[in-house]
Amino acid sequence: MIIVPGRLNSSRFENKILVDIFGVPMIIATANRVKDIDQVIIATDSQEVVKLANRHGFKAVFTSSAHKSGTDRINEAVDMLGLKDHEIVLNVQADEPFIEPEVVKKVLQNTKKFVGKNGVLLSSCYKSVSSEIADDPNHVKVVLDENSHAIYFSRSKIPHHKDHYSHTDYKGHLGIYGFTVASLKTFCSLKHSKLEHIEKLEQLRVIEAGYKISMIEVNSQSFGIDTKEDLNMAMKMINDKKGNR
């Protein structure tokens, strides 16, 4: 099952999940991108979004407005839906309206292979990004160990090269997460961590608690829309791509 969590009030971009993306609201555009992979459920704190989802043919569940992260929100949705511990749940952030289905499929495969084994609590993905994109704090970076487990995520440019080496390999994180229902419950039972609070990145809760995140590399032109500037950049990239056909 794919659950798309959608909080209506975003501090950096108010009502961004309702912004028009080629004729439909952002959260619907995201759901449409992944609907052929598995059943899609929208989890939201807005009755307006519930009605919107239903009008576009998606089931939605109304969740608490008190959740501090999208993953906490989908955990409530999983309880409401009565899913079993072994079932796999993908968290596709509502602000990924340009995500390629192939990317989500790779996270699904990686989740099936690794999550719940050897301390791996969840699966996610990354892509190579330029030094210029890595400079942007709205684009989250990740560094990995030799087993492709995440060591750290940051809004800062990591790794920082002391000698300013120009060919550092920067890995941009995409907001797609894979869990089993059991591992999702474990995630949401963890205390909110200091690093999570500092960076405003929920996945740091996992690392700080001593669990692992299995990462897989993907090819993608997508990135999460955190600000109006992100949206303008994404739309420009897509229109430029169309113009070059």
C-alpha atoms as a PDB file:
ATOM      1  CA  MET A   1       0.000   0.000   0.000  1.00  0.00           C
ATOM      2  CA  ILE A   2       1.114   3.560  -0.761  1.00  0.00           C
ATOM      3  CA  ILE A   3       0.082   6.272   1.685  1.00  0.00           C
ATOM      4  CA  VAL A   4       0.463   9.932   0.754  1.00  0.00           C
ATOM      5  CA  PRO A   5       0.468  12.101   3.898  1.00  0.00           C
ATOM      6  CA  GLY A   6      -0.774  15.635   3.379  1.00  0.00           C
ATOM      7  CA  ARG A   7      -0.664  18.414   5.975  1.00  0.00           C
ATOM      8  CA  LEU A   8      -2.535  21.467   4.735  1.00  0.00           C
ATOM      9  CA  ASN A   9      -0.657  24.169   6.626  1.00  0.00           C
ATOM     10  CA  SER A  10       3.012  24.236   5.662  1.00  0.00           C
ATOM     11  CA  SER A  11       5.194  26.819   7.386  1.00  0.00           C
ATOM     12  CA  ARG A  12       7.373  27.485   4.340  1.00  0.00           C
ATOM     13  CA  PHE A  13       4.712  27.263   1.607  1.00  0.00           C
ATOM     14  CA  GLU A  14       1.133  27.694   2.788  1.00  0.00           C
ATOM     15  CA  ASN A  15      -1.381  25.241   1.313  1.00  0.00           C
ATOM     16  CA  LYS A  16       1.301  23.948  -1.058  1.00  0.00           C
ATOM     17  CA  ILE A  17      -0.372  20.547  -1.463  1.00  0.00           C
ATOM     18  CA  LEU A  18      -3.286  22.332  -3.162  1.00  0.00           C
ATOM     19  CA  VAL A  19      -1.116  24.249  -5.658  1.00  0.00           C
ATOM     20  CA  ASP A  20      -2.041  23.543  -9.281  1.00  0.00           C
ATOM     21  CA  ILE A  21       0.217  21.071 -11.093  1.00  0.00           C
ATOM     22  CA  PHE A  22      -0.879  20.786 -14.714  1.00  0.00           C
ATOM     23  CA  GLY A  23      -4.556  21.089 -13.834  1.00  0.00           C
ATOM     24  CA  VAL A  24      -4.800  19.178 -10.537  1.00  0.00           C
ATOM     25  CA  PRO A  25      -3.779  19.942  -6.924  1.00  0.00           C
ATOM     26  CA  MET A  26      -0.253  18.863  -5.979  1.00  0.00           C
ATOM     27  CA  ILE A  27      -1.340  16.051  -3.658  1.00  0.00           C
ATOM     28  CA  ILE A  28      -3.541  14.581  -6.397  1.00  0.00           C
ATOM     29  CA  ALA A  29      -0.732  14.924  -8.947  1.00  0.00           C
ATOM     30  CA  THR A  30       1.511  12.934  -6.593  1.00  0.00           C
ATOM     31  CA  ALA A  31      -1.131  10.249  -6.046  1.00  0.00           C
ATOM     32  CA  ASN A  32      -1.702   9.972  -9.797  1.00  0.00           C
ATOM     33  CA  ARG A  33       2.015   9.353 -10.366  1.00  0.00           C
ATOM     34  CA  VAL A  34       2.000   6.197  -8.225  1.00  0.00           C
ATOM     35  CA  LYS A  35      -1.542   4.852  -8.495  1.00  0.00           C
ATOM     36  CA  ASP A  36      -0.587   2.064 -10.920  1.00  0.00           C
ATOM     37  CA  ILE A  37       1.983   0.593  -8.491  1.00  0.00           C
ATOM     38  CA  ASP A  38      -0.329  -0.237  -5.595  1.00  0.00           C
ATOM     39  CA  GLN A  39      -3.435   1.025  -3.824  1.00  0.00           C
ATOM     40  CA  VAL A  40      -3.039   4.674  -2.835  1.00  0.00           C
ATOM     41  CA  ILE A  41      -4.499   6.173   0.333  1.00  0.00           C
ATOM     42  CA  ILE A  42      -4.289   9.872   1.202  1.00  0.00           C
ATOM     43  CA  ALA A  43      -3.852  10.661   4.902  1.00  0.00           C
ATOM     44  CA  THR A  44      -4.624  14.254   5.830  1.00  0.00           C
ATOM     45  CA  ASP A  45      -5.610  16.618   8.615  1.00  0.00           C
ATOM     46  CA  SER A  46      -8.028  18.465   6.324  1.00  0.00           C
ATOM     47  CA  GLN A  47     -11.631  17.580   5.541  1.00  0.00           C
ATOM     48  CA  GLU A  48     -11.232  19.693   2.419  1.00  0.00           C
ATOM     49  CA  VAL A  49      -8.449  17.388   1.217  1.00  0.00           C
ATOM     50  CA  VAL A  50     -10.503  14.292   2.092  1.00  0.00           C
ATOM     51  CA  LYS A  51     -13.307  15.544  -0.156  1.00  0.00           C
ATOM     52  CA  LEU A  52     -10.804  16.520  -2.847  1.00  0.00           C
ATOM     53  CA  ALA A  53      -9.260  13.051  -2.811  1.00  0.00           C
ATOM     54  CA  ASN A  54     -12.680  11.396  -3.086  1.00  0.00           C
ATOM     55  CA  ARG A  55     -13.608  13.584  -6.047  1.00  0.00           C
ATOM     56  CA  HIS A  56     -10.484  12.382  -7.843  1.00  0.00           C
ATOM     57  CA  GLY A  57     -11.149   8.716  -7.067  1.00  0.00           C
ATOM     58  CA  PHE A  58      -8.808   8.231  -4.098  1.00  0.00           C
ATOM     59  CA  LYS A  59      -9.678   6.915  -0.667  1.00  0.00           C
ATOM     60  CA  ALA A  60      -8.643   9.273   2.145  1.00  0.00           C
ATOM     61  CA  VAL A  61      -8.485   9.049   5.921  1.00  0.00           C
ATOM     62  CA  PHE A  62      -8.845  12.008   8.268  1.00  0.00           C
ATOM     63  CA  THR A  63      -5.982  12.134  10.771  1.00  0.00           C
ATOM     64  CA  SER A  64      -4.902  14.300  13.675  1.00  0.00           C
ATOM     65  CA  SER A  65      -3.465  17.777  13.115  1.00  0.00           C
ATOM     66  CA  ALA A  66      -1.005  17.208  15.977  1.00  0.00           C
ATOM     67  CA  HIS A  67       1.447  14.984  14.083  1.00  0.00           C
ATOM     68  CA  LYS A  68       4.969  16.353  13.777  1.00  0.00           C
ATOM     69  CA  SER A  69       5.907  14.238  10.750  1.00  0.00           C
ATOM     70  CA  GLY A  70       4.350  12.573   7.737  1.00  0.00           C
ATOM     71  CA  THR A  71       5.402   9.161   9.011  1.00  0.00           C
ATOM     72  CA  ASP A  72       3.562   9.694  12.295  1.00  0.00           C
ATOM     73  CA  ARG A  73       0.527  10.575  10.194  1.00  0.00           C
ATOM     74  CA  ILE A  74       0.677   7.414   8.103  1.00  0.00           C
ATOM     75  CA  ASN A  75       1.065   5.360  11.276  1.00  0.00           C
ATOM     76  CA  GLU A  76      -2.324   6.630  12.432  1.00  0.00           C
ATOM     77  CA  ALA A  77      -3.731   5.834   8.998  1.00  0.00           C
ATOM     78  CA  VAL A  78      -2.342   2.280   9.162  1.00  0.00           C
ATOM     79  CA  ASP A  79      -4.077   1.748  12.514  1.00  0.00           C
ATOM     80  CA  MET A  80      -7.340   3.053  11.094  1.00  0.00           C
ATOM     81  CA  LEU A  81      -7.024   0.747   8.079  1.00  0.00           C
ATOM     82  CA  GLY A  82      -6.233  -2.305  10.199  1.00  0.00           C
ATOM     83  CA  LEU A  83      -3.141  -3.398   8.249  1.00  0.00           C
ATOM     84  CA  LYS A  84      -1.155  -6.446   9.399  1.00  0.00           C
ATOM     85  CA  ASP A  85       2.411  -6.243  10.739  1.00  0.00           C
ATOM     86  CA  HIS A  86       3.974  -7.978   7.721  1.00  0.00           C
ATOM     87  CA  GLU A  87       2.366  -5.704   5.122  1.00  0.00           C
ATOM     88  CA  ILE A  88       4.534  -3.177   3.321  1.00  0.00           C
ATOM     89  CA  VAL A  89       3.679   0.507   3.387  1.00  0.00           C
ATOM     90  CA  LEU A  90       5.312   3.141   1.216  1.00  0.00           C
ATOM     91  CA  ASN A  91       5.306   6.755   2.365  1.00  0.00           C
ATOM     92  CA  VAL A  92       5.342   9.020  -0.690  1.00  0.00           C
ATOM     93  CA  GLN A  93       5.431  12.647   0.396  1.00  0.00           C
ATOM     94  CA  ALA A  94       2.653  14.817  -1.015  1.00  0.00           C
ATOM     95  CA  ASP A  95       5.182  17.352  -2.294  1.00  0.00           C
ATOM     96  CA  GLU A  96       6.681  14.907  -4.842  1.00  0.00           C
ATOM     97  CA  PRO A  97       4.311  15.558  -7.785  1.00  0.00           C
ATOM     98  CA  PHE A  98       6.978  14.729 -10.376  1.00  0.00           C
ATOM     99  CA  ILE A  99       8.247  11.486  -8.859  1.00  0.00           C
ATOM    100  CA  GLU A 100       8.814   8.753 -11.421  1.00  0.00           C
ATOM    101  CA  PRO A 101       6.957   5.454 -10.813  1.00  0.00           C
ATOM    102  CA  GLU A 102      10.214   3.564 -11.449  1.00  0.00           C
ATOM    103  CA  VAL A 103      11.757   5.278  -8.412  1.00  0.00           C
ATOM    104  CA  VAL A 104       8.926   4.181  -6.145  1.00  0.00           C
ATOM    105  CA  LYS A 105       9.138   0.635  -7.511  1.00  0.00           C
ATOM    106  CA  LYS A 106      12.850   0.494  -6.634  1.00  0.00           C
ATOM    107  CA  VAL A 107      12.137   1.581  -3.066  1.00  0.00           C
ATOM    108  CA  LEU A 108       9.420  -1.077  -2.864  1.00  0.00           C
ATOM    109  CA  GLN A 109      11.864  -3.761  -4.021  1.00  0.00           C
ATOM    110  CA  ASN A 110      14.527  -2.553  -1.578  1.00  0.00           C
ATOM    111  CA  THR A 111      11.985  -2.578   1.247  1.00  0.00           C
ATOM    112  CA  LYS A 112      11.003  -6.163   0.528  1.00  0.00           C
ATOM    113  CA  LYS A 113      14.657  -7.187   0.468  1.00  0.00           C
ATOM    114  CA  PHE A 114      16.059  -5.451   3.544  1.00  0.00           C
ATOM    115  CA  VAL A 115      13.516  -3.928   5.940  1.00  0.00           C
ATOM    116  CA  GLY A 116      13.030  -5.890   9.131  1.00  0.00           C
ATOM    117  CA  LYS A 117      16.400  -7.647   8.808  1.00  0.00           C
ATOM    118  CA  ASN A 118      19.729  -6.893  10.519  1.00  0.00           C
ATOM    119  CA  GLY A 119      18.474  -3.750  12.243  1.00  0.00           C
ATOM    120  CA  VAL A 120      17.118  -2.094   9.077  1.00  0.00           C
ATOM    121  CA  LEU A 121      14.010  -0.148  10.044  1.00  0.00           C
ATOM    122  CA  LEU A 122      13.165   1.442   6.714  1.00  0.00           C
ATOM    123  CA  SER A 123      14.237   1.930   3.134  1.00  0.00           C
ATOM    124  CA  SER A 124      14.651   5.116   1.108  1.00  0.00           C
ATOM    125  CA  CYS A 125      16.466   6.446  -1.948  1.00  0.00           C
ATOM    126  CA  TYR A 126      18.879   9.053  -3.266  1.00  0.00           C
ATOM    127  CA  LYS A 127      20.218  10.454  -6.510  1.00  0.00           C
ATOM    128  CA  SER A 128      23.442  12.160  -7.484  1.00  0.00           C
ATOM    129  CA  VAL A 129      23.148  15.944  -7.393  1.00  0.00           C
ATOM    130  CA  SER A 130      25.387  18.789  -8.457  1.00  0.00           C
ATOM    131  CA  SER A 131      27.432  20.894  -6.085  1.00  0.00           C
ATOM    132  CA  GLU A 132      25.090  23.819  -6.788  1.00  0.00           C
ATOM    133  CA  ILE A 133      21.976  21.855  -5.798  1.00  0.00           C
ATOM    134  CA  ALA A 134      23.804  20.526  -2.725  1.00  0.00           C
ATOM    135  CA  ASP A 135      24.274  24.137  -1.596  1.00  0.00           C
ATOM    136  CA  ASP A 136      20.486  24.511  -1.174  1.00  0.00           C
ATOM    137  CA  PRO A 137      19.298  23.657   2.377  1.00  0.00           C
ATOM    138  CA  ASN A 138      15.874  22.740   1.011  1.00  0.00           C
ATOM    139  CA  HIS A 139      17.495  19.810  -0.814  1.00  0.00           C
ATOM    140  CA  VAL A 140      18.434  17.216   1.792  1.00  0.00           C
ATOM    141  CA  LYS A 141      21.746  15.378   1.431  1.00  0.00           C
ATOM    142  CA  VAL A 142      22.742  11.959   2.733  1.00  0.00           C
ATOM    143  CA  VAL A 143      26.054  10.171   3.294  1.00  0.00           C
ATOM    144  CA  LEU A 144      26.305   6.373   3.292  1.00  0.00           C
ATOM    145  CA  ASP A 145      28.436   3.589   4.681  1.00  0.00           C
ATOM    146  CA  GLU A 146      29.869   0.776   2.555  1.00  0.00           C
ATOM    147  CA  ASN A 147      26.643  -1.217   2.885  1.00  0.00           C
ATOM    148  CA  SER A 148      24.480   1.635   1.535  1.00  0.00           C
ATOM    149  CA  HIS A 149      23.089   2.406   4.971  1.00  0.00           C
ATOM    150  CA  ALA A 150      22.569   6.068   5.772  1.00  0.00           C
ATOM    151  CA  ILE A 151      25.130   7.546   8.152  1.00  0.00           C
ATOM    152  CA  TYR A 152      23.579  11.011   8.303  1.00  0.00           C
ATOM    153  CA  PHE A 153      21.098  13.294   6.553  1.00  0.00           C
ATOM    154  CA  SER A 154      21.505  17.059   6.527  1.00  0.00           C
ATOM    155  CA  ARG A 155      20.300  20.275   4.990  1.00  0.00           C
ATOM    156  CA  SER A 156      23.958  21.314   5.022  1.00  0.00           C
ATOM    157  CA  LYS A 157      26.318  20.384   2.221  1.00  0.00           C
ATOM    158  CA  ILE A 158      27.695  16.991   3.210  1.00  0.00           C
ATOM    159  CA  PRO A 159      30.276  15.669   2.956  1.00  0.00           C
ATOM    160  CA  HIS A 160      32.150  18.929   3.429  1.00  0.00           C
ATOM    161  CA  HIS A 161      35.433  18.774   1.541  1.00  0.00           C
ATOM    162  CA  LYS A 162      38.111  20.639   3.467  1.00  0.00           C
ATOM    163  CA  ASP A 163      40.192  21.220   0.323  1.00  0.00           C
ATOM    164  CA  HIS A 164      37.172  22.273  -1.796  1.00  0.00           C
ATOM    165  CA  TYR A 165      37.527  19.331  -4.140  1.00  0.00           C
ATOM    166  CA  SER A 166      35.168  20.072  -7.038  1.00  0.00           C
ATOM    167  CA  HIS A 167      34.131  16.479  -7.808  1.00  0.00           C
ATOM    168  CA  THR A 168      32.698  15.463  -4.449  1.00  0.00           C
ATOM    169  CA  ASP A 169      29.850  12.978  -4.877  1.00  0.00           C
ATOM    170  CA  TYR A 170      26.746  14.600  -3.390  1.00  0.00           C
ATOM    171  CA  LYS A 171      23.721  12.421  -2.784  1.00  0.00           C
ATOM    172  CA  GLY A 172      20.320  14.108  -2.761  1.00  0.00           C
ATOM    173  CA  HIS A 173      17.650  12.398  -0.681  1.00  0.00           C
ATOM    174  CA  LEU A 174      14.163  11.853  -2.121  1.00  0.00           C
ATOM    175  CA  GLY A 175      11.172  11.772   0.232  1.00  0.00           C
ATOM    176  CA  ILE A 176      10.126   8.183  -0.393  1.00  0.00           C
ATOM    177  CA  TYR A 177      10.153   5.713   2.527  1.00  0.00           C
ATOM    178  CA  GLY A 178       9.417   2.002   2.733  1.00  0.00           C
ATOM    179  CA  PHE A 179       8.335   0.199   5.908  1.00  0.00           C
ATOM    180  CA  THR A 180       6.682  -2.934   7.070  1.00  0.00           C
ATOM    181  CA  VAL A 181       3.764  -2.113   9.334  1.00  0.00           C
ATOM    182  CA  ALA A 182       5.790  -3.542  12.234  1.00  0.00           C
ATOM    183  CA  SER A 183       8.828  -1.355  11.473  1.00  0.00           C
ATOM    184  CA  LEU A 184       6.582   1.671  11.033  1.00  0.00           C
ATOM    185  CA  LYS A 185       5.160   1.105  14.517  1.00  0.00           C
ATOM    186  CA  THR A 186       8.701   0.847  15.900  1.00  0.00           C
ATOM    187  CA  PHE A 187       9.680   4.096  14.169  1.00  0.00           C
ATOM    188  CA  CYS A 188       6.739   5.930  15.670  1.00  0.00           C
ATOM    189  CA  SER A 189       7.431   4.537  19.145  1.00  0.00           C
ATOM    190  CA  LEU A 190      10.885   6.165  19.137  1.00  0.00           C
ATOM    191  CA  LYS A 191      11.364   9.440  20.966  1.00  0.00           C
ATOM    192  CA  HIS A 192      11.707  12.512  18.807  1.00  0.00           C
ATOM    193  CA  SER A 193      15.442  13.097  18.731  1.00  0.00           C
ATOM    194  CA  LYS A 194      17.699  16.103  19.154  1.00  0.00           C
ATOM    195  CA  LEU A 195      19.123  15.795  15.646  1.00  0.00           C
ATOM    196  CA  GLU A 196      15.630  15.450  14.184  1.00  0.00           C
ATOM    197  CA  HIS A 197      14.629  18.673  15.929  1.00  0.00           C
ATOM    198  CA  ILE A 198      17.730  20.568  14.801  1.00  0.00           C
ATOM    199  CA  GLU A 199      17.612  19.570  11.127  1.00  0.00           C
ATOM    200  CA  LYS A 200      13.812  19.154  10.944  1.00  0.00           C
ATOM    201  CA  LEU A 201      14.375  15.736   9.350  1.00  0.00           C
ATOM    202  CA  GLU A 202      12.331  12.896  10.831  1.00  0.00           C
ATOM    203  CA  GLN A 203      14.595  10.131   9.483  1.00  0.00           C
ATOM    204  CA  LEU A 204      17.388  11.208  11.848  1.00  0.00           C
ATOM    205  CA  ARG A 205      15.266   9.764  14.659  1.00  0.00           C
ATOM    206  CA  VAL A 206      16.060   6.310  13.295  1.00  0.00           C
ATOM    207  CA  ILE A 207      19.827   6.775  13.101  1.00  0.00           C
ATOM    208  CA  GLU A 208      20.060   8.412  16.511  1.00  0.00           C
ATOM    209  CA  ALA A 209      18.169   5.469  18.022  1.00  0.00           C
ATOM    210  CA  GLY A 210      20.697   3.016  16.571  1.00  0.00           C
ATOM    211  CA  TYR A 211      18.654   1.544  13.721  1.00  0.00           C
ATOM    212  CA  LYS A 212      19.607   1.429  10.029  1.00  0.00           C
ATOM    213  CA  ILE A 213      18.125   2.976   6.899  1.00  0.00           C
ATOM    214  CA  SER A 214      18.787   1.060   3.691  1.00  0.00           C
ATOM    215  CA  MET A 215      19.337   3.444   0.772  1.00  0.00           C
ATOM    216  CA  ILE A 216      19.138   2.726  -2.944  1.00  0.00           C
ATOM    217  CA  GLU A 217      20.351   4.903  -5.785  1.00  0.00           C
ATOM    218  CA  VAL A 218      17.808   5.995  -8.392  1.00  0.00           C
ATOM    219  CA  ASN A 219      17.740   8.056 -11.548  1.00  0.00           C
ATOM    220  CA  SER A 220      15.286  10.899 -11.125  1.00  0.00           C
ATOM    221  CA  GLN A 221      14.608  14.459 -12.211  1.00  0.00           C
ATOM    222  CA  SER A 222      12.224  14.921  -9.287  1.00  0.00           C
ATOM    223  CA  PHE A 223      12.703  16.723  -6.006  1.00  0.00           C
ATOM    224  CA  GLY A 224      10.411  17.679  -3.150  1.00  0.00           C
ATOM    225  CA  ILE A 225       8.617  21.022  -3.389  1.00  0.00           C
ATOM    226  CA  ASP A 226       9.342  22.851  -0.129  1.00  0.00           C
ATOM    227  CA  THR A 227       9.068  26.454  -1.350  1.00  0.00           C
ATOM    228  CA  LYS A 228       7.568  28.512  -4.160  1.00  0.00           C
ATOM    229  CA  GLU A 229      11.080  28.787  -5.576  1.00  0.00           C
ATOM    230  CA  ASP A 230      11.307  24.977  -5.710  1.00  0.00           C
ATOM    231  CA  LEU A 231       8.033  24.850  -7.612  1.00  0.00           C
ATOM    232  CA  ASN A 232       9.166  27.492 -10.101  1.00  0.00           C
ATOM    233  CA  MET A 233      12.432  25.612 -10.641  1.00  0.00           C
ATOM    234  CA  ALA A 234      10.653  22.293 -11.163  1.00  0.00           C
ATOM    235  CA  MET A 235       8.147  23.736 -13.614  1.00  0.00           C
ATOM    236  CA  LYS A 236      10.966  25.411 -15.556  1.00  0.00           C
ATOM    237  CA  MET A 237      12.884  22.125 -15.775  1.00  0.00           C
ATOM    238  CA  ILE A 238       9.831  20.283 -17.047  1.00  0.00           C
ATOM    239  CA  ASN A 239       8.903  22.970 -19.577  1.00  0.00           C
ATOM    240  CA  ASP A 240      12.522  23.110 -20.798  1.00  0.00           C
ATOM    241  CA  LYS A 241      12.506  19.348 -21.199  1.00  0.00           C
ATOM    242  CA  LYS A 242       9.280  19.488 -23.197  1.00  0.00           C
ATOM    243  CA  GLY A 243      10.705  22.260 -25.353  1.00  0.00           C
ATOM    244  CA  ASN A 244      13.726  20.144 -26.251  1.00  0.00           C
ATOM    245  CA  ARG A 245      11.665  17.263 -27.591  1.00  0.00           C
END
